[in-house]
All heavy atoms as atom14 arrays in JSON, in Angstrom:
{
  "sequence": "GGLVVVGLMLVKVGQWVWSHWWVLVVLGLLALLA",
  "atom14_mask": [
    [1, 1, 1, 1, 0, 0, 0, 0, 0, 0, 0, 0, 0, 0],
    [1, 1, 1, 1, 0, 0, 0, 0, 0, 0, 0, 0, 0, 0],
    [1, 1, 1, 1, 1, 1, 1, 1, 0, 0, 0, 0, 0, 0],
    [1, 1, 1, 1, 1, 1, 1, 0, 0, 0, 0, 0, 0, 0],
    [1, 1, 1, 1, 1, 1, 1, 0, 0, 0, 0, 0, 0, 0],
    [1, 1, 1, 1, 1, 1, 1, 0, 0, 0, 0, 0, 0, 0],
    [1, 1, 1, 1, 0, 0, 0, 0, 0, 0, 0, 0, 0, 0],
    [1, 1, 1, 1, 1, 1, 1, 1, 0, 0, 0, 0, 0, 0],
    [1, 1, 1, 1, 1, 1, 1, 1, 0, 0, 0, 0, 0, 0],
    [1, 1, 1, 1, 1, 1, 1, 1, 0, 0, 0, 0, 0, 0],
    [1, 1, 1, 1, 1, 1, 1, 0, 0, 0, 0, 0, 0, 0],
    [1, 1, 1, 1, 1, 1, 1, 1, 1, 0, 0, 0, 0, 0],
    [1, 1, 1, 1, 1, 1, 1, 0, 0, 0, 0, 0, 0, 0],
    [1, 1, 1, 1, 0, 0, 0, 0, 0, 0, 0, 0, 0, 0],
    [1, 1, 1, 1, 1, 1, 1, 1, 1, 0, 0, 0, 0, 0],
    [1, 1, 1, 1, 1, 1, 1, 1, 1, 1, 1, 1, 1, 1],
    [1, 1, 1, 1, 1, 1, 1, 0, 0, 0, 0, 0, 0, 0],
    [1, 1, 1, 1, 1, 1, 1, 1, 1, 1, 1, 1, 1, 1],
    [1, 1, 1, 1, 1, 1, 0, 0, 0, 0, 0, 0, 0, 0],
    [1, 1, 1, 1, 1, 1, 1, 1, 1, 1, 0, 0, 0, 0],
    [1, 1, 1, 1, 1, 1, 1, 1, 1, 1, 1, 1, 1, 1],
    [1, 1, 1, 1, 1, 1, 1, 1, 1, 1, 1, 1, 1, 1],
    [1, 1, 1, 1, 1, 1, 1, 0, 0, 0, 0, 0, 0, 0],
    [1, 1, 1, 1, 1, 1, 1, 1, 0, 0, 0, 0, 0, 0],
    [1, 1, 1, 1, 1, 1, 1, 0, 0, 0, 0, 0, 0, 0],
    [1, 1, 1, 1, 1, 1, 1, 0, 0, 0, 0, 0, 0, 0],
    [1, 1, 1, 1, 1, 1, 1, 1, 0, 0, 0, 0, 0, 0],
    [1, 1, 1, 1, 0, 0, 0, 0, 0, 0, 0, 0, 0, 0],
    [1, 1, 1, 1, 1, 1, 1, 1, 0, 0, 0, 0, 0, 0],
    [1, 1, 1, 1, 1, 1, 1, 1, 0, 0, 0, 0, 0, 0],
    [1, 1, 1, 1, 1, 0, 0, 0, 0, 0, 0, 0, 0, 0],
    [1, 1, 1, 1, 1, 1, 1, 1, 0, 0, 0, 0, 0, 0],
    [1, 1, 1, 1, 1, 1, 1, 1, 0, 0, 0, 0, 0, 0],
    [1, 1, 1, 1, 1, 0, 0, 0, 0, 0, 0, 0, 0, 0]
  ],
  "atom14_positions": [
    [[9.23, 48.68, 0.33], [10.45, 48.69, -0.49], [10.98, 47.29, -0.73], [11.39, 46.95, -1.83], [0.0, 0.0, 0.0], [0.0, 0.0, 0.0], [0.0, 0.0, 0.0], [0.0, 0.0, 0.0], [0.0, 0.0, 0.0], [0.0, 0.0, 0.0], [0.0, 0.0, 0.0], [0.0, 0.0, 0.0], [0.0, 0.0, 0.0], [0.0, 0.0, 0.0]],
    [[10.93, 46.47, 0.32], [11.37, 45.08, 0.18], [10.49, 44.32, -0.8], [10.99, 43.54, -1.62], [0.0, 0.0, 0.0], [0.0, 0.0, 0.0], [0.0, 0.0, 0.0], [0.0, 0.0, 0.0], [0.0, 0.0, 0.0], [0.0, 0.0, 0.0], [0.0, 0.0, 0.0], [0.0, 0.0, 0.0], [0.0, 0.0, 0.0], [0.0, 0.0, 0.0]],
    [[9.19, 44.55, -0.74], [8.28, 43.88, -1.68], [8.55, 44.31, -3.12], [8.49, 43.49, -4.04], [6.82, 44.17, -1.32], [6.27, 43.42, -0.12], [4.86, 43.91, 0.21], [6.26, 41.93, -0.39], [0.0, 0.0, 0.0], [0.0, 0.0, 0.0], [0.0, 0.0, 0.0], [0.0, 0.0, 0.0], [0.0, 0.0, 0.0], [0.0, 0.0, 0.0]],
    [[8.84, 45.58, -3.31], [9.15, 46.06, -4.66], [10.42, 45.4, -5.18], [10.47, 44.94, -6.33], [9.28, 47.61, -4.67], [9.88, 48.1, -5.97], [7.93, 48.26, -4.43], [0.0, 0.0, 0.0], [0.0, 0.0, 0.0], [0.0, 0.0, 0.0], [0.0, 0.0, 0.0], [0.0, 0.0, 0.0], [0.0, 0.0, 0.0], [0.0, 0.0, 0.0]],
    [[11.44, 45.31, -4.33], [12.7, 44.69, -4.75], [12.48, 43.22, -5.08], [12.95, 42.72, -6.11], [13.78, 44.85, -3.65], [14.99, 43.99, -3.93], [14.18, 46.32, -3.53], [0.0, 0.0, 0.0], [0.0, 0.0, 0.0], [0.0, 0.0, 0.0], [0.0, 0.0, 0.0], [0.0, 0.0, 0.0], [0.0, 0.0, 0.0], [0.0, 0.0, 0.0]],
    [[11.74, 42.5, -4.24], [11.46, 41.09, -4.5], [10.66, 40.93, -5.79], [10.93, 40.04, -6.6], [10.72, 40.45, -3.3], [10.17, 39.09, -3.65], [11.65, 40.36, -2.1], [0.0, 0.0, 0.0], [0.0, 0.0, 0.0], [0.0, 0.0, 0.0], [0.0, 0.0, 0.0], [0.0, 0.0, 0.0], [0.0, 0.0, 0.0], [0.0, 0.0, 0.0]],
    [[9.69, 41.8, -6.01], [8.9, 41.74, -7.24], [9.75, 41.94, -8.47], [9.62, 41.22, -9.46], [0.0, 0.0, 0.0], [0.0, 0.0, 0.0], [0.0, 0.0, 0.0], [0.0, 0.0, 0.0], [0.0, 0.0, 0.0], [0.0, 0.0, 0.0], [0.0, 0.0, 0.0], [0.0, 0.0, 0.0], [0.0, 0.0, 0.0], [0.0, 0.0, 0.0]],
    [[10.65, 42.92, -8.42], [11.54, 43.16, -9.56], [12.46, 41.98, -9.81], [12.72, 41.61, -10.96], [12.36, 44.44, -9.34], [11.58, 45.74, -9.4], [12.46, 46.91, -8.98], [11.01, 45.97, -10.79], [0.0, 0.0, 0.0], [0.0, 0.0, 0.0], [0.0, 0.0, 0.0], [0.0, 0.0, 0.0], [0.0, 0.0, 0.0], [0.0, 0.0, 0.0]],
    [[12.95, 41.37, -8.73], [13.81, 40.2, -8.89], [13.04, 39.04, -9.52], [13.57, 38.33, -10.37], [14.41, 39.78, -7.54], [15.46, 40.74, -7.03], [16.06, 40.35, -5.39], [16.8, 38.75, -5.67], [0.0, 0.0, 0.0], [0.0, 0.0, 0.0], [0.0, 0.0, 0.0], [0.0, 0.0, 0.0], [0.0, 0.0, 0.0], [0.0, 0.0, 0.0]],
    [[11.79, 38.85, -9.09], [10.98, 37.77, -9.68], [10.72, 38.01, -11.16], [10.74, 37.07, -11.96], [9.65, 37.64, -8.94], [9.72, 36.99, -7.56], [8.37, 37.06, -6.88], [10.21, 35.57, -7.65], [0.0, 0.0, 0.0], [0.0, 0.0, 0.0], [0.0, 0.0, 0.0], [0.0, 0.0, 0.0], [0.0, 0.0, 0.0], [0.0, 0.0, 0.0]],
    [[10.52, 39.26, -11.55], [10.32, 39.57, -12.97], [11.58, 39.24, -13.75], [11.52, 38.62, -14.83], [9.92, 41.06, -13.15], [10.03, 41.47, -14.6], [8.52, 41.29, -12.62], [0.0, 0.0, 0.0], [0.0, 0.0, 0.0], [0.0, 0.0, 0.0], [0.0, 0.0, 0.0], [0.0, 0.0, 0.0], [0.0, 0.0, 0.0], [0.0, 0.0, 0.0]],
    [[12.75, 39.63, -13.22], [14.01, 39.35, -13.92], [14.26, 37.85, -14.02], [14.68, 37.35, -15.07], [15.18, 40.03, -13.2], [15.22, 41.5, -13.41], [15.48, 41.81, -14.86], [15.58, 43.28, -15.12], [15.69, 43.6, -16.53], [0.0, 0.0, 0.0], [0.0, 0.0, 0.0], [0.0, 0.0, 0.0], [0.0, 0.0, 0.0], [0.0, 0.0, 0.0]],
    [[14.0, 37.11, -12.95], [14.18, 35.65, -12.98], [13.22, 35.04, -13.99], [13.59, 34.15, -14.76], [13.99, 35.05, -11.57], [13.88, 33.54, -11.63], [15.13, 35.47, -10.66], [0.0, 0.0, 0.0], [0.0, 0.0, 0.0], [0.0, 0.0, 0.0], [0.0, 0.0, 0.0], [0.0, 0.0, 0.0], [0.0, 0.0, 0.0], [0.0, 0.0, 0.0]],
    [[11.98, 35.53, -14.0], [11.01, 35.02, -14.96], [11.43, 35.27, -16.39], [11.27, 34.41, -17.27], [0.0, 0.0, 0.0], [0.0, 0.0, 0.0], [0.0, 0.0, 0.0], [0.0, 0.0, 0.0], [0.0, 0.0, 0.0], [0.0, 0.0, 0.0], [0.0, 0.0, 0.0], [0.0, 0.0, 0.0], [0.0, 0.0, 0.0], [0.0, 0.0, 0.0]],
    [[11.99, 36.44, -16.66], [12.47, 36.75, -18.01], [13.62, 35.81, -18.39], [13.7, 35.33, -19.52], [12.93, 38.2, -18.09], [11.81, 39.19, -18.05], [12.3, 40.63, -17.95], [13.47, 40.88, -17.64], [11.41, 41.57, -18.2], [0.0, 0.0, 0.0], [0.0, 0.0, 0.0], [0.0, 0.0, 0.0], [0.0, 0.0, 0.0], [0.0, 0.0, 0.0]],
    [[14.53, 35.57, -17.43], [15.66, 34.69, -17.72], [15.17, 33.27, -18.0], [15.63, 32.62, -18.94], [16.65, 34.68, -16.56], [17.87, 33.89, -16.86], [18.99, 34.34, -17.48], [18.09, 32.5, -16.59], [19.89, 33.31, -17.6], [19.37, 32.18, -17.07], [17.32, 31.51, -15.99], [19.89, 30.9, -16.96], [17.84, 30.24, -15.88], [19.12, 29.94, -16.37]],
    [[14.24, 32.78, -17.17], [13.72, 31.42, -17.35], [12.99, 31.31, -18.68], [13.11, 30.3, -19.38], [12.8, 31.03, -16.17], [12.03, 29.77, -16.48], [13.62, 30.85, -14.91], [0.0, 0.0, 0.0], [0.0, 0.0, 0.0], [0.0, 0.0, 0.0], [0.0, 0.0, 0.0], [0.0, 0.0, 0.0], [0.0, 0.0, 0.0], [0.0, 0.0, 0.0]],
    [[12.25, 32.34, -19.06], [11.51, 32.32, -20.33], [12.47, 32.21, -21.51], [12.2, 31.5, -22.48], [10.66, 33.58, -20.45], [9.77, 33.58, -21.64], [9.94, 34.28, -22.79], [8.58, 32.82, -21.82], [8.93, 34.02, -23.66], [8.07, 33.12, -23.1], [7.88, 31.92, -21.03], [6.91, 32.55, -23.6], [6.73, 31.36, -21.52], [6.26, 31.67, -22.79]],
    [[13.61, 32.87, -21.42], [14.56, 32.82, -22.54], [15.48, 31.6, -22.47], [16.15, 31.28, -23.44], [15.38, 34.11, -22.61], [16.13, 34.29, -21.45], [0.0, 0.0, 0.0], [0.0, 0.0, 0.0], [0.0, 0.0, 0.0], [0.0, 0.0, 0.0], [0.0, 0.0, 0.0], [0.0, 0.0, 0.0], [0.0, 0.0, 0.0], [0.0, 0.0, 0.0]],
    [[15.55, 30.94, -21.31], [16.39, 29.75, -21.15], [15.53, 28.58, -20.66], [15.86, 27.91, -19.68], [17.52, 30.02, -20.15], [18.46, 31.09, -20.57], [18.24, 32.41, -20.29], [19.61, 31.05, -21.28], [19.21, 33.14, -20.78], [20.06, 32.34, -21.4], [0.0, 0.0, 0.0], [0.0, 0.0, 0.0], [0.0, 0.0, 0.0], [0.0, 0.0, 0.0]],
    [[14.44, 28.3, -21.36], [13.48, 27.28, -20.95], [14.11, 25.89, -20.88], [13.69, 25.05, -20.09], [12.29, 27.25, -21.9], [12.7, 27.02, -23.32], [12.98, 27.97, -24.24], [12.92, 25.76, -23.96], [13.35, 27.4, -25.42], [13.33, 26.03, -25.28], [12.81, 24.43, -23.55], [13.63, 25.03, -26.19], [13.11, 23.43, -24.46], [13.51, 23.74, -25.76]],
    [[15.14, 25.67, -21.68], [15.75, 24.34, -21.73], [16.41, 23.98, -20.39], [16.54, 22.81, -20.05], [16.78, 24.27, -22.85], [17.84, 25.33, -22.75], [17.8, 26.59, -23.28], [19.06, 25.24, -22.02], [18.93, 27.27, -22.92], [19.73, 26.47, -22.17], [19.66, 24.23, -21.27], [20.96, 26.73, -21.57], [20.9, 24.48, -20.69], [21.53, 25.72, -20.85]],
    [[16.78, 24.99, -19.6], [17.36, 24.71, -18.28], [16.32, 24.02, -17.4], [16.64, 23.08, -16.67], [17.88, 26.01, -17.63], [18.33, 25.77, -16.2], [19.0, 26.62, -18.46], [0.0, 0.0, 0.0], [0.0, 0.0, 0.0], [0.0, 0.0, 0.0], [0.0, 0.0, 0.0], [0.0, 0.0, 0.0], [0.0, 0.0, 0.0], [0.0, 0.0, 0.0]],
    [[15.07, 24.47, -17.49], [14.01, 23.83, -16.71], [13.78, 22.39, -17.16], [13.51, 21.52, -16.33], [12.71, 24.63, -16.83], [12.68, 25.97, -16.12], [11.34, 26.65, -16.35], [12.95, 25.81, -14.65], [0.0, 0.0, 0.0], [0.0, 0.0, 0.0], [0.0, 0.0, 0.0], [0.0, 0.0, 0.0], [0.0, 0.0, 0.0], [0.0, 0.0, 0.0]],
    [[13.89, 22.15, -18.45], [13.72, 20.79, -18.96], [14.82, 19.89, -18.4], [14.55, 18.77, -17.93], [13.71, 20.78, -20.5], [13.74, 19.36, -21.03], [12.51, 21.54, -21.04], [0.0, 0.0, 0.0], [0.0, 0.0, 0.0], [0.0, 0.0, 0.0], [0.0, 0.0, 0.0], [0.0, 0.0, 0.0], [0.0, 0.0, 0.0], [0.0, 0.0, 0.0]],
    [[16.06, 20.35, -18.43], [17.18, 19.56, -17.91], [17.01, 19.32, -16.42], [17.2, 18.19, -15.93], [18.52, 20.26, -18.22], [19.67, 19.6, -17.49], [18.78, 20.29, -19.71], [0.0, 0.0, 0.0], [0.0, 0.0, 0.0], [0.0, 0.0, 0.0], [0.0, 0.0, 0.0], [0.0, 0.0, 0.0], [0.0, 0.0, 0.0], [0.0, 0.0, 0.0]],
    [[16.64, 20.35, -15.67], [16.43, 20.18, -14.23], [15.28, 19.21, -13.95], [15.35, 18.41, -13.01], [16.15, 21.53, -13.57], [17.33, 22.48, -13.47], [16.89, 23.83, -12.91], [18.45, 21.89, -12.63], [0.0, 0.0, 0.0], [0.0, 0.0, 0.0], [0.0, 0.0, 0.0], [0.0, 0.0, 0.0], [0.0, 0.0, 0.0], [0.0, 0.0, 0.0]],
    [[14.23, 19.27, -14.75], [13.13, 18.33, -14.6], [13.55, 16.9, -14.84], [13.16, 15.98, -14.09], [0.0, 0.0, 0.0], [0.0, 0.0, 0.0], [0.0, 0.0, 0.0], [0.0, 0.0, 0.0], [0.0, 0.0, 0.0], [0.0, 0.0, 0.0], [0.0, 0.0, 0.0], [0.0, 0.0, 0.0], [0.0, 0.0, 0.0], [0.0, 0.0, 0.0]],
    [[14.36, 16.68, -15.87], [14.86, 15.33, -16.15], [15.76, 14.82, -15.03], [15.68, 13.65, -14.63], [15.6, 15.31, -17.49], [14.72, 15.47, -18.73], [15.59, 15.59, -19.98], [13.76, 14.31, -18.86], [0.0, 0.0, 0.0], [0.0, 0.0, 0.0], [0.0, 0.0, 0.0], [0.0, 0.0, 0.0], [0.0, 0.0, 0.0], [0.0, 0.0, 0.0]],
    [[16.6, 15.7, -14.51], [17.46, 15.3, -13.39], [16.63, 14.97, -12.16], [16.94, 14.0, -11.44], [18.47, 16.4, -13.07], [19.58, 16.61, -14.1], [20.41, 17.84, -13.73], [20.46, 15.38, -14.18], [0.0, 0.0, 0.0], [0.0, 0.0, 0.0], [0.0, 0.0, 0.0], [0.0, 0.0, 0.0], [0.0, 0.0, 0.0], [0.0, 0.0, 0.0]],
    [[15.58, 15.73, -11.91], [14.7, 15.44, -10.78], [14.0, 14.1, -10.96], [13.86, 13.33, -10.0], [13.68, 16.57, -10.62], [0.0, 0.0, 0.0], [0.0, 0.0, 0.0], [0.0, 0.0, 0.0], [0.0, 0.0, 0.0], [0.0, 0.0, 0.0], [0.0, 0.0, 0.0], [0.0, 0.0, 0.0], [0.0, 0.0, 0.0], [0.0, 0.0, 0.0]],
    [[13.57, 13.79, -12.18], [12.94, 12.5, -12.44], [13.92, 11.35, -12.23], [13.55, 10.3, -11.68], [12.38, 12.46, -13.87], [11.06, 13.19, -14.08], [10.69, 13.17, -15.56], [9.96, 12.56, -13.26], [0.0, 0.0, 0.0], [0.0, 0.0, 0.0], [0.0, 0.0, 0.0], [0.0, 0.0, 0.0], [0.0, 0.0, 0.0], [0.0, 0.0, 0.0]],
    [[15.15, 11.52, -12.67], [16.17, 10.49, -12.44], [16.43, 10.29, -10.96], [16.56, 9.14, -10.49], [17.47, 10.85, -13.16], [17.49, 10.66, -14.67], [18.77, 11.23, -15.26], [17.36, 9.18, -15.0], [0.0, 0.0, 0.0], [0.0, 0.0, 0.0], [0.0, 0.0, 0.0], [0.0, 0.0, 0.0], [0.0, 0.0, 0.0], [0.0, 0.0, 0.0]],
    [[16.51, 11.37, -10.21], [16.72, 11.26, -8.76], [15.54, 10.57, -8.09], [15.72, 9.71, -7.22], [16.93, 12.66, -8.17], [0.0, 0.0, 0.0], [0.0, 0.0, 0.0], [0.0, 0.0, 0.0], [0.0, 0.0, 0.0], [0.0, 0.0, 0.0], [0.0, 0.0, 0.0], [0.0, 0.0, 0.0], [0.0, 0.0, 0.0], [0.0, 0.0, 0.0]]
  ]
}
């Protein structure tokens, strides 16, 4: 049950990241600056 819940959460996070790809770009730039 825990694995199913974690899997569903990963799918939802993946969907959010796919639709908000620019957040990853900004985080990447901030990481490079740091």
